C-alpha atoms as a PDB file:
ATOM      1  CA  LYS A   1      -0.429   0.067   0.135  1.00  0.00           C
ATOM      2  CA  GLN A   2       2.430   2.601   0.793  1.00  0.00           C
ATOM      3  CA  GLN A   3       4.356   1.877  -2.380  1.00  0.00           C
ATOM      4  CA  GLU A   4       1.256   2.759  -4.538  1.00  0.00           C
ATOM      5  CA  LYS A   5       0.785   5.899  -2.478  1.00  0.00           C
ATOM      6  CA  ILE A   6       4.272   6.986  -3.484  1.00  0.00           C
ATOM      7  CA  GLN A   7       4.064   5.849  -7.247  1.00  0.00           C
ATOM      8  CA  LYS A   8       0.423   7.569  -7.190  1.00  0.00           C
ATOM      9  CA  SER A   9       2.873  11.085  -5.739  1.00  0.00           C
ATOM     10  CA  ILE A  10       5.455  10.560  -8.319  1.00  0.00           C
ATOM     11  CA  ARG A  11       2.495  10.203 -11.499  1.00  0.00           C
ATOM     12  CA  ILE A  12       0.776  13.399 -10.094  1.00  0.00           C
ATOM     13  CA  ILE A  13       3.902  15.348 -10.224  1.00  0.00           C
ATOM     14  CA  ILE A  14       4.896  14.387 -13.464  1.00  0.00           C
ATOM     15  CA  GLU A  15       1.086  15.055 -15.068  1.00  0.00           C
ATOM     16  CA  ASN A  16       1.234  18.330 -13.735  1.00  0.00           C
ATOM     17  CA  VAL A  17       4.935  18.709 -15.470  1.00  0.00           C
ATOM     18  CA  PHE A  18       3.002  17.823 -18.775  1.00  0.00           C
ATOM     19  CA  ALA A  19      -0.002  20.022 -18.155  1.00  0.00           C
ATOM     20  CA  ARG A  20       2.525  23.020 -17.778  1.00  0.00           C
ATOM     21  CA  ILE A  21       4.170  22.232 -20.772  1.00  0.00           C
ATOM     22  CA  LYS A  22       1.561  21.621 -23.020  1.00  0.00           C
ATOM     23  CA  ARG A  23       0.527  25.275 -21.918  1.00  0.00           C
ATOM     24  CA  PHE A  24       3.288  26.567 -24.566  1.00  0.00           C
ATOM     25  CA  SER A  25       1.291  25.931 -27.764  1.00  0.00           C
ATOM     26  CA  ILE A  26       4.360  25.259 -29.715  1.00  0.00           C
ATOM     27  CA  THR A  27       4.200  22.196 -27.705  1.00  0.00           C
ATOM     28  CA  SER A  28       0.462  21.168 -27.777  1.00  0.00           C
ATOM     29  CA  ASN A  29      -0.257  22.085 -31.744  1.00  0.00           C
ATOM     30  CA  THR A  30       1.049  19.873 -34.608  1.00  0.00           C
ATOM     31  CA  LEU A  31       4.848  20.207 -35.568  1.00  0.00           C
ATOM     32  CA  ARG A  32       4.615  22.120 -39.064  1.00  0.00           C
ATOM     33  CA  TYR A  33       7.796  22.641 -40.866  1.00  0.00           C
ATOM     34  CA  LYS A  34       8.826  23.535 -44.182  1.00  0.00           C
ATOM     35  CA  PHE A  35      11.397  21.994 -46.238  1.00  0.00           C
ATOM     36  CA  LYS A  36      12.780  23.450 -49.392  1.00  0.00           C
ATOM     37  CA  GLN A  37      12.193  20.450 -52.074  1.00  0.00           C
ATOM     38  CA  GLY A  38      14.408  17.823 -52.347  1.00  0.00           C
ATOM     39  CA  THR A  39      16.198  18.649 -48.834  1.00  0.00           C
ATOM     40  CA  PHE A  40      13.752  16.380 -46.434  1.00  0.00           C
ATOM     41  CA  HIS A  41      15.602  14.530 -43.797  1.00  0.00           C
ATOM     42  CA  ILE A  42      14.069  13.142 -40.936  1.00  0.00           C
ATOM     43  CA  GLU A  43      17.120  13.630 -38.537  1.00  0.00           C
ATOM     44  CA  HIS A  44      16.527  17.369 -39.040  1.00  0.00           C
ATOM     45  CA  VAL A  45      13.024  17.226 -38.290  1.00  0.00           C
ATOM     46  CA  PHE A  46      14.101  15.172 -34.811  1.00  0.00           C
ATOM     47  CA  LYS A  47      16.786  17.492 -34.235  1.00  0.00           C
ATOM     48  CA  ARG A  48      14.569  20.621 -34.404  1.00  0.00           C
ATOM     49  CA  HIS A  49      11.751  19.016 -32.555  1.00  0.00           C
ATOM     50  CA  HIS A  50      14.054  18.165 -29.681  1.00  0.00           C
ATOM     51  CA  MET A  51      15.170  21.685 -29.824  1.00  0.00           C
ATOM     52  CA  VAL A  52      11.836  22.792 -29.209  1.00  0.00           C
ATOM     53  CA  TRP A  53      11.194  20.281 -26.620  1.00  0.00           C
ATOM     54  CA  CYS A  54      14.288  20.884 -24.232  1.00  0.00           C
ATOM     55  CA  THR A  55      13.757  25.084 -24.931  1.00  0.00           C
ATOM     56  CA  VAL A  56      10.106  24.334 -23.123  1.00  0.00           C
ATOM     57  CA  ALA A  57      11.621  22.253 -20.706  1.00  0.00           C
ATOM     58  CA  PHE A  58      14.104  24.807 -19.772  1.00  0.00           C
ATOM     59  CA  LEU A  59      11.557  27.502 -19.288  1.00  0.00           C
ATOM     60  CA  ILE A  60       9.111  25.145 -17.617  1.00  0.00           C
ATOM     61  CA  ASN A  61      11.987  24.517 -15.150  1.00  0.00           C
ATOM     62  CA  CYS A  62      13.439  28.095 -14.814  1.00  0.00           C
ATOM     63  CA  TYR A  63       9.696  29.168 -13.950  1.00  0.00           C
ATOM     64  CA  SER A  64       9.240  26.417 -11.099  1.00  0.00           C
ATOM     65  CA  GLU A  65      12.455  27.673  -9.344  1.00  0.00           C
ATOM     66  CA  ILE A  66      11.610  31.406  -9.194  1.00  0.00           C
ATOM     67  CA  ARG A  67       8.395  30.524  -8.169  1.00  0.00           C
END
């Protein structure tokens, strides 16, 4: 029972973090990225997607520490 209580509290924290992240419209909308003709590289898309999520996570962390 104690283990379930710990897991529940951790799950709530994680869900709250995701809720904060989704407040940023760039993370809640579909990623749309335009390429020049013939220059589509999936690695570039993943790199851009990763940069967006890291930037938002950084901002969330900074804001959380200030509060």
